[in-house]
């Protein structure tokens, strides 16, 4: 979104909890990794 407005992103921060699936969906979209899933995250495999 920032690039669309010509604004560079210096850093980001997430405060609080976020569902793992939301993180995976976002990462898959922006990193162009269509097959990214819970089974590729070590922590998720431990929790499941």
PDB file of N, CA and C in Angstrom:
ATOM      1  N   UNK A   1       0.812  -1.187   0.000  1.00  0.00           N
ATOM      2  CA  UNK A   1       0.000   0.000   0.000  1.00  0.00           C
ATOM      3  C   UNK A   1       0.858   1.254   0.000  1.00  0.00           C
ATOM      4  N   UNK A   2       1.927   1.247   0.771  1.00  0.00           N
ATOM      5  CA  UNK A   2       2.779   2.431   0.856  1.00  0.00           C
ATOM      6  C   UNK A   2       3.385   2.765  -0.505  1.00  0.00           C
ATOM      7  N   UNK A   3       3.822   1.752  -1.231  1.00  0.00           N
ATOM      8  CA  UNK A   3       4.436   1.979  -2.544  1.00  0.00           C
ATOM      9  C   UNK A   3       3.450   2.632  -3.506  1.00  0.00           C
ATOM     10  N   UNK A   4       2.205   2.290  -3.365  1.00  0.00           N
ATOM     11  CA  UNK A   4       1.176   2.868  -4.232  1.00  0.00           C
ATOM     12  C   UNK A   4       1.101   4.382  -4.065  1.00  0.00           C
ATOM     13  N   UNK A   5       1.420   4.845  -2.871  1.00  0.00           N
ATOM     14  CA  UNK A   5       1.394   6.279  -2.587  1.00  0.00           C
ATOM     15  C   UNK A   5       2.777   6.907  -2.627  1.00  0.00           C
ATOM     16  N   UNK A   6       3.778   6.129  -3.024  1.00  0.00           N
ATOM     17  CA  UNK A   6       5.133   6.645  -3.134  1.00  0.00           C
ATOM     18  C   UNK A   6       5.804   6.900  -1.797  1.00  0.00           C
ATOM     19  N   UNK A   7       5.398   6.146  -0.785  1.00  0.00           N
ATOM     20  CA  UNK A   7       5.942   6.326   0.562  1.00  0.00           C
ATOM     21  C   UNK A   7       6.772   5.096   0.921  1.00  0.00           C
ATOM     22  N   UNK A   8       8.040   5.277   1.291  1.00  0.00           N
ATOM     23  CA  UNK A   8       8.846   4.116   1.690  1.00  0.00           C
ATOM     24  C   UNK A   8       8.468   3.641   3.096  1.00  0.00           C
ATOM     25  N   UNK A   9       8.574   2.344   3.317  1.00  0.00           N
ATOM     26  CA  UNK A   9       8.312   1.768   4.638  1.00  0.00           C
ATOM     27  C   UNK A   9       9.646   1.586   5.335  1.00  0.00           C
ATOM     28  N   UNK A  10       9.820   2.235   6.473  1.00  0.00           N
ATOM     29  CA  UNK A  10      11.073   2.143   7.222  1.00  0.00           C
ATOM     30  C   UNK A  10      11.077   0.907   8.115  1.00  0.00           C
ATOM     31  N   UNK A  11       9.950   0.623   8.757  1.00  0.00           N
ATOM     32  CA  UNK A  11       9.836  -0.556   9.612  1.00  0.00           C
ATOM     33  C   UNK A  11       8.371  -0.772   9.944  1.00  0.00           C
ATOM     34  N   UNK A  12       8.075  -1.944  10.464  1.00  0.00           N
ATOM     35  CA  UNK A  12       6.715  -2.253  10.897  1.00  0.00           C
ATOM     36  C   UNK A  12       6.778  -2.907  12.264  1.00  0.00           C
ATOM     37  N   UNK A  13       5.643  -2.926  12.930  1.00  0.00           N
ATOM     38  CA  UNK A  13       5.575  -3.553  14.247  1.00  0.00           C
ATOM     39  C   UNK A  13       4.167  -4.088  14.454  1.00  0.00           C
ATOM     40  N   UNK A  14       4.076  -5.264  15.014  1.00  0.00           N
ATOM     41  CA  UNK A  14       2.791  -5.865  15.336  1.00  0.00           C
ATOM     42  C   UNK A  14       2.698  -5.946  16.848  1.00  0.00           C
ATOM     43  N   UNK A  15       1.671  -5.350  17.400  1.00  0.00           N
ATOM     44  CA  UNK A  15       1.471  -5.381  18.846  1.00  0.00           C
ATOM     45  C   UNK A  15       0.213  -6.185  19.120  1.00  0.00           C
ATOM     46  N   UNK A  16       0.342  -7.203  19.931  1.00  0.00           N
ATOM     47  CA  UNK A  16      -0.802  -8.037  20.261  1.00  0.00           C
ATOM     48  C   UNK A  16      -0.749  -9.361  19.518  1.00  0.00           C
ATOM     49  N   UNK A  17      -1.852 -10.050  19.564  1.00  0.00           N
ATOM     50  CA  UNK A  17      -1.943 -11.372  18.943  1.00  0.00           C
ATOM     51  C   UNK A  17      -2.616 -11.276  17.582  1.00  0.00           C
ATOM     52  N   UNK A  18      -2.251 -12.191  16.715  1.00  0.00           N
ATOM     53  CA  UNK A  18      -2.870 -12.275  15.393  1.00  0.00           C
ATOM     54  C   UNK A  18      -2.959 -13.760  15.040  1.00  0.00           C
ATOM     55  N   UNK A  19      -4.059 -14.189  14.450  1.00  0.00           N
ATOM     56  CA  UNK A  19      -4.184 -15.597  14.079  1.00  0.00           C
ATOM     57  C   UNK A  19      -3.100 -16.015  13.074  1.00  0.00           C
ATOM     58  N   UNK A  20      -2.550 -17.197  13.276  1.00  0.00           N
ATOM     59  CA  UNK A  20      -1.495 -17.699  12.394  1.00  0.00           C
ATOM     60  C   UNK A  20      -1.955 -17.741  10.942  1.00  0.00           C
ATOM     61  N   UNK A  21      -3.186 -18.138  10.713  1.00  0.00           N
ATOM     62  CA  UNK A  21      -3.681 -18.217   9.337  1.00  0.00           C
ATOM     63  C   UNK A  21      -3.687 -16.852   8.654  1.00  0.00           C
ATOM     64  N   UNK A  22      -3.949 -15.795   9.410  1.00  0.00           N
ATOM     65  CA  UNK A  22      -3.911 -14.443   8.842  1.00  0.00           C
ATOM     66  C   UNK A  22      -2.487 -14.069   8.444  1.00  0.00           C
ATOM     67  N   UNK A  23      -1.528 -14.435   9.277  1.00  0.00           N
ATOM     68  CA  UNK A  23      -0.121 -14.163   8.961  1.00  0.00           C
ATOM     69  C   UNK A  23       0.296 -14.948   7.721  1.00  0.00           C
ATOM     70  N   UNK A  24      -0.086 -16.211   7.659  1.00  0.00           N
ATOM     71  CA  UNK A  24       0.285 -17.049   6.516  1.00  0.00           C
ATOM     72  C   UNK A  24      -0.343 -16.542   5.225  1.00  0.00           C
ATOM     73  N   UNK A  25      -1.600 -16.151   5.283  1.00  0.00           N
ATOM     74  CA  UNK A  25      -2.265 -15.626   4.083  1.00  0.00           C
ATOM     75  C   UNK A  25      -1.573 -14.365   3.581  1.00  0.00           C
ATOM     76  N   UNK A  26      -1.232 -13.481   4.510  1.00  0.00           N
ATOM     77  CA  UNK A  26      -0.572 -12.232   4.139  1.00  0.00           C
ATOM     78  C   UNK A  26       0.818 -12.491   3.577  1.00  0.00           C
ATOM     79  N   UNK A  27       1.576 -13.360   4.243  1.00  0.00           N
ATOM     80  CA  UNK A  27       2.928 -13.682   3.772  1.00  0.00           C
ATOM     81  C   UNK A  27       2.874 -14.345   2.401  1.00  0.00           C
ATOM     82  N   UNK A  28       1.950 -15.274   2.220  1.00  0.00           N
ATOM     83  CA  UNK A  28       1.829 -15.955   0.932  1.00  0.00           C
ATOM     84  C   UNK A  28       1.514 -14.963  -0.183  1.00  0.00           C
ATOM     85  N   UNK A  29       0.665 -14.005   0.105  1.00  0.00           N
ATOM     86  CA  UNK A  29       0.286 -13.012  -0.908  1.00  0.00           C
ATOM     87  C   UNK A  29       1.455 -12.097  -1.260  1.00  0.00           C
ATOM     88  N   UNK A  30       2.055 -11.478  -0.253  1.00  0.00           N
ATOM     89  CA  UNK A  30       3.090 -10.479  -0.522  1.00  0.00           C
ATOM     90  C   UNK A  30       4.427 -11.089  -0.929  1.00  0.00           C
ATOM     91  N   UNK A  31       4.707 -12.308  -0.490  1.00  0.00           N
ATOM     92  CA  UNK A  31       5.960 -12.962  -0.875  1.00  0.00           C
ATOM     93  C   UNK A  31       5.776 -13.857  -2.096  1.00  0.00           C
ATOM     94  N   UNK A  32       4.557 -13.905  -2.612  1.00  0.00           N
ATOM     95  CA  UNK A  32       4.199 -14.711  -3.777  1.00  0.00           C
ATOM     96  C   UNK A  32       4.586 -16.173  -3.581  1.00  0.00           C
ATOM     97  N   UNK A  33       4.114 -16.727  -2.459  1.00  0.00           N
ATOM     98  CA  UNK A  33       4.338 -18.130  -2.118  1.00  0.00           C
ATOM     99  C   UNK A  33       2.978 -18.814  -2.025  1.00  0.00           C
ATOM    100  N   UNK A  34       2.404 -19.212  -3.153  1.00  0.00           N
ATOM    101  CA  UNK A  34       1.033 -19.725  -3.147  1.00  0.00           C
ATOM    102  C   UNK A  34       0.835 -21.005  -2.347  1.00  0.00           C
ATOM    103  N   UNK A  35       1.890 -21.776  -2.119  1.00  0.00           N
ATOM    104  CA  UNK A  35       1.731 -23.043  -1.405  1.00  0.00           C
ATOM    105  C   UNK A  35       2.145 -22.959   0.060  1.00  0.00           C
ATOM    106  N   UNK A  36       2.326 -21.750   0.576  1.00  0.00           N
ATOM    107  CA  UNK A  36       2.690 -21.582   1.976  1.00  0.00           C
ATOM    108  C   UNK A  36       1.518 -22.012   2.850  1.00  0.00           C
ATOM    109  N   UNK A  37       1.795 -22.884   3.800  1.00  0.00           N
ATOM    110  CA  UNK A  37       0.733 -23.375   4.672  1.00  0.00           C
ATOM    111  C   UNK A  37       1.234 -23.662   6.074  1.00  0.00           C
ATOM    112  N   UNK A  38       0.302 -24.026   6.941  1.00  0.00           N
ATOM    113  CA  UNK A  38       0.621 -24.301   8.347  1.00  0.00           C
ATOM    114  C   UNK A  38       1.662 -25.404   8.491  1.00  0.00           C
ATOM    115  N   UNK A  39       1.645 -26.376   7.591  1.00  0.00           N
ATOM    116  CA  UNK A  39       2.578 -27.502   7.708  1.00  0.00           C
ATOM    117  C   UNK A  39       4.025 -27.095   7.438  1.00  0.00           C
ATOM    118  N   UNK A  40       4.253 -25.866   6.975  1.00  0.00           N
ATOM    119  CA  UNK A  40       5.606 -25.386   6.716  1.00  0.00           C
ATOM    120  C   UNK A  40       6.121 -24.470   7.826  1.00  0.00           C
ATOM    121  N   UNK A  41       5.347 -24.331   8.887  1.00  0.00           N
ATOM    122  CA  UNK A  41       5.737 -23.496  10.025  1.00  0.00           C
ATOM    123  C   UNK A  41       5.994 -24.419  11.209  1.00  0.00           C
ATOM    124  N   UNK A  42       7.217 -24.419  11.697  1.00  0.00           N
ATOM    125  CA  UNK A  42       7.604 -25.343  12.764  1.00  0.00           C
ATOM    126  C   UNK A  42       6.706 -25.200  13.979  1.00  0.00           C
ATOM    127  N   UNK A  43       6.448 -23.962  14.401  1.00  0.00           N
ATOM    128  CA  UNK A  43       5.615 -23.749  15.587  1.00  0.00           C
ATOM    129  C   UNK A  43       4.220 -24.332  15.408  1.00  0.00           C
ATOM    130  N   UNK A  44       3.657 -24.201  14.232  1.00  0.00           N
ATOM    131  CA  UNK A  44       2.318 -24.730  13.977  1.00  0.00           C
ATOM    132  C   UNK A  44       2.325 -26.249  14.042  1.00  0.00           C
ATOM    133  N   UNK A  45       3.370 -26.864  13.562  1.00  0.00           N
ATOM    134  CA  UNK A  45       3.456 -28.330  13.618  1.00  0.00           C
ATOM    135  C   UNK A  45       3.577 -28.808  15.054  1.00  0.00           C
ATOM    136  N   UNK A  46       4.268 -28.037  15.881  1.00  0.00           N
ATOM    137  CA  UNK A  46       4.394 -28.399  17.295  1.00  0.00           C
ATOM    138  C   UNK A  46       3.051 -28.241  18.000  1.00  0.00           C
ATOM    139  N   UNK A  47       2.338 -27.133  17.713  1.00  0.00           N
ATOM    140  CA  UNK A  47       1.063 -26.870  18.376  1.00  0.00           C
ATOM    141  C   UNK A  47       0.002 -27.871  17.962  1.00  0.00           C
ATOM    142  N   UNK A  48       0.027 -28.307  16.705  1.00  0.00           N
ATOM    143  CA  UNK A  48      -0.997 -29.241  16.206  1.00  0.00           C
ATOM    144  C   UNK A  48      -0.686 -30.609  16.635  1.00  0.00           C
TER     145      UNK A  48
END
